[in-house]
C-alpha atoms as a PDB file:
ATOM      1  CA  MET A   1       0.000   0.000   0.000  1.00  0.00           C
ATOM      2  CA  ALA A   2       1.294   3.474  -0.862  1.00  0.00           C
ATOM      3  CA  LEU A   3       2.035   5.599   2.163  1.00  0.00           C
ATOM      4  CA  HIS A   4       1.282   9.322   2.180  1.00  0.00           C
ATOM      5  CA  VAL A   5       2.295  11.420   5.182  1.00  0.00           C
ATOM      6  CA  ARG A   6       1.137  15.020   5.498  1.00  0.00           C
ATOM      7  CA  VAL A   7       2.297  17.328   8.261  1.00  0.00           C
ATOM      8  CA  ILE A   8       0.249  20.423   8.990  1.00  0.00           C
ATOM      9  CA  SER A   9       2.546  23.029  10.500  1.00  0.00           C
ATOM     10  CA  GLN A  10       2.438  26.600  11.630  1.00  0.00           C
ATOM     11  CA  HIS A  11       4.841  29.112  10.107  1.00  0.00           C
ATOM     12  CA  PRO A  12       7.410  29.399  11.428  1.00  0.00           C
ATOM     13  CA  PRO A  13       7.295  25.871  12.814  1.00  0.00           C
ATOM     14  CA  GLY A  14       7.623  25.291  16.540  1.00  0.00           C
ATOM     15  CA  GLY A  15       8.135  22.261  18.800  1.00  0.00           C
ATOM     16  CA  ARG A  16       5.579  19.672  17.719  1.00  0.00           C
ATOM     17  CA  CYS A  17       5.505  20.952  14.125  1.00  0.00           C
ATOM     18  CA  ILE A  18       9.268  20.416  13.881  1.00  0.00           C
ATOM     19  CA  LEU A  19       8.929  17.018  15.561  1.00  0.00           C
ATOM     20  CA  TYR A  20       6.201  15.847  13.180  1.00  0.00           C
ATOM     21  CA  ALA A  21       8.251  17.034  10.185  1.00  0.00           C
ATOM     22  CA  GLY A  22      11.136  14.946  11.572  1.00  0.00           C
ATOM     23  CA  TYR A  23       8.853  11.930  11.838  1.00  0.00           C
ATOM     24  CA  ALA A  24       7.756  12.459   8.216  1.00  0.00           C
ATOM     25  CA  GLU A  25      11.381  12.527   7.075  1.00  0.00           C
ATOM     26  CA  VAL A  26      12.088   9.248   8.875  1.00  0.00           C
ATOM     27  CA  LEU A  27       9.043   7.670   7.207  1.00  0.00           C
ATOM     28  CA  ARG A  28      10.192   8.963   3.817  1.00  0.00           C
ATOM     29  CA  VAL A  29      13.665   7.504   4.214  1.00  0.00           C
ATOM     30  CA  ARG A  30      12.723   4.230   5.937  1.00  0.00           C
ATOM     31  CA  LEU A  31       9.432   3.357   4.218  1.00  0.00           C
ATOM     32  CA  GLY A  32       9.504   5.361   1.000  1.00  0.00           C
ATOM     33  CA  ALA A  33       6.513   7.415   2.113  1.00  0.00           C
ATOM     34  CA  ARG A  34       5.405  10.330  -0.008  1.00  0.00           C
ATOM     35  CA  THR A  35       5.597  13.278   2.358  1.00  0.00           C
ATOM     36  CA  GLU A  36       4.467  16.860   2.344  1.00  0.00           C
ATOM     37  CA  ILE A  37       4.472  19.699   4.814  1.00  0.00           C
ATOM     38  CA  VAL A  38       1.750  22.301   4.522  1.00  0.00           C
ATOM     39  CA  THR A  39       1.338  25.405   6.615  1.00  0.00           C
ATOM     40  CA  SER A  40      -1.864  26.554   8.233  1.00  0.00           C
ATOM     41  CA  ALA A  41      -2.928  29.392  10.479  1.00  0.00           C
ATOM     42  CA  GLU A  42      -5.637  27.156  11.977  1.00  0.00           C
ATOM     43  CA  ARG A  43      -4.818  25.645  15.345  1.00  0.00           C
ATOM     44  CA  ASP A  44      -6.417  22.186  15.505  1.00  0.00           C
ATOM     45  CA  ALA A  45      -3.930  19.728  16.964  1.00  0.00           C
ATOM     46  CA  HIS A  46      -4.303  16.221  15.568  1.00  0.00           C
ATOM     47  CA  GLY A  47      -7.066  17.296  13.222  1.00  0.00           C
ATOM     48  CA  THR A  48      -7.198  19.708  10.276  1.00  0.00           C
ATOM     49  CA  GLY A  49      -4.878  22.411  11.630  1.00  0.00           C
ATOM     50  CA  PHE A  50      -1.460  22.549  13.221  1.00  0.00           C
ATOM     51  CA  PRO A  51       0.240  20.571  14.664  1.00  0.00           C
ATOM     52  CA  SER A  52      -1.038  17.476  12.912  1.00  0.00           C
ATOM     53  CA  LEU A  53       0.387  14.447  11.149  1.00  0.00           C
ATOM     54  CA  LEU A  54      -1.892  12.575   8.770  1.00  0.00           C
ATOM     55  CA  VAL A  55      -1.272   9.096   7.396  1.00  0.00           C
ATOM     56  CA  ASN A  56      -3.128   8.395   4.172  1.00  0.00           C
ATOM     57  CA  GLY A  57      -5.478  11.279   4.937  1.00  0.00           C
ATOM     58  CA  ASP A  58      -6.321  10.367   8.531  1.00  0.00           C
ATOM     59  CA  PRO A  59      -4.942  12.398  11.457  1.00  0.00           C
ATOM     60  CA  VAL A  60      -2.903  10.290  13.858  1.00  0.00           C
ATOM     61  CA  GLN A  61      -4.114  10.631  17.439  1.00  0.00           C
ATOM     62  CA  PRO A  62      -1.607  10.544  20.300  1.00  0.00           C
ATOM     63  CA  ALA A  63      -2.278   7.993  23.034  1.00  0.00           C
ATOM     64  CA  ASP A  64      -1.639  10.643  25.692  1.00  0.00           C
ATOM     65  CA  GLY A  65      -3.810  13.222  23.912  1.00  0.00           C
ATOM     66  CA  ALA A  66      -0.977  15.734  23.604  1.00  0.00           C
ATOM     67  CA  ILE A  67       2.042  14.631  21.571  1.00  0.00           C
ATOM     68  CA  LEU A  68       2.593  11.901  19.007  1.00  0.00           C
ATOM     69  CA  MET A  69       5.111   9.363  20.157  1.00  0.00           C
ATOM     70  CA  PRO A  70       6.991   6.821  18.012  1.00  0.00           C
ATOM     71  CA  ALA A  71       4.784   4.009  19.350  1.00  0.00           C
ATOM     72  CA  ASP A  72       1.650   5.913  18.237  1.00  0.00           C
ATOM     73  CA  LEU A  73       2.936   6.117  14.675  1.00  0.00           C
ATOM     74  CA  CYS A  74       4.052   2.497  14.588  1.00  0.00           C
ATOM     75  CA  ALA A  75       0.627   1.364  15.804  1.00  0.00           C
ATOM     76  CA  VAL A  76      -1.115   3.340  13.061  1.00  0.00           C
ATOM     77  CA  LEU A  77       1.290   2.101  10.407  1.00  0.00           C
ATOM     78  CA  ALA A  78       0.715  -1.501  11.481  1.00  0.00           C
ATOM     79  CA  THR A  79      -3.073  -1.237  11.446  1.00  0.00           C
ATOM     80  CA  VAL A  80      -4.328   1.592   9.262  1.00  0.00           C
ATOM     81  CA  ALA A  81      -1.570   1.819   6.671  1.00  0.00           C
ATOM     82  CA  GLY A  82      -1.122  -1.925   6.278  1.00  0.00           C
ATOM     83  CA  GLN A  83       2.613  -2.004   6.931  1.00  0.00           C
ATOM     84  CA  ASP A  84       3.899  -5.429   7.879  1.00  0.00           C
ATOM     85  CA  GLU A  85       5.942  -6.114  11.001  1.00  0.00           C
ATOM     86  CA  ALA A  86       9.142  -6.731   9.000  1.00  0.00           C
ATOM     87  CA  GLY A  87       8.830  -3.278   7.433  1.00  0.00           C
ATOM     88  CA  LEU A  88       8.485  -1.715  10.857  1.00  0.00           C
ATOM     89  CA  THR A  89      11.537  -3.380  12.400  1.00  0.00           C
ATOM     90  CA  GLY A  90      13.685  -0.671  13.949  1.00  0.00           C
ATOM     91  CA  LEU A  91      11.274   2.085  12.938  1.00  0.00           C
ATOM     92  CA  GLU A  92      10.348   3.039  16.489  1.00  0.00           C
ATOM     93  CA  ASP A  93      14.044   3.579  17.299  1.00  0.00           C
ATOM     94  CA  ALA A  94      14.485   5.680  14.149  1.00  0.00           C
ATOM     95  CA  LEU A  95      11.429   7.783  15.061  1.00  0.00           C
ATOM     96  CA  ASP A  96      12.870   8.300  18.529  1.00  0.00           C
ATOM     97  CA  VAL A  97      15.759  10.351  17.064  1.00  0.00           C
ATOM     98  CA  PRO A  98      13.685  13.458  16.179  1.00  0.00           C
ATOM     99  CA  LEU A  99      11.832  13.112  19.501  1.00  0.00           C
ATOM    100  CA  GLN A 100      15.094  13.170  21.448  1.00  0.00           C
ATOM    101  CA  ARG A 101      16.298  16.180  19.408  1.00  0.00           C
ATOM    102  CA  MET A 102      13.148  18.068  20.357  1.00  0.00           C
ATOM    103  CA  LEU A 103      13.428  17.118  24.022  1.00  0.00           C
ATOM    104  CA  GLU A 104      17.069  18.183  24.123  1.00  0.00           C
ATOM    105  CA  GLY A 105      16.263  21.449  22.336  1.00  0.00           C
ATOM    106  CA  THR A 106      18.736  20.921  19.501  1.00  0.00           C
END
């Protein structure tokens, strides 16, 4: 199944917008996802405004209600996007890299 990842970001991007763009880049490199980053002035986290990350048109919802974590994305990719377990091997660790960058402020 083709994988399309869209990040809805504010301009200029801030914390979660930068994080979600980092996740999209990992998915592009690791899974060959088609990615795009669009800007919006509408604040609607995990919906139709920023900060949001959509997989194949559906916004990914964070388990904690606040911030998408690598496990959230892997769960969606395994169920909604039809990625097999072999394709997801090591993906959570790769997605952790942009998360750690954000947490460290670099």
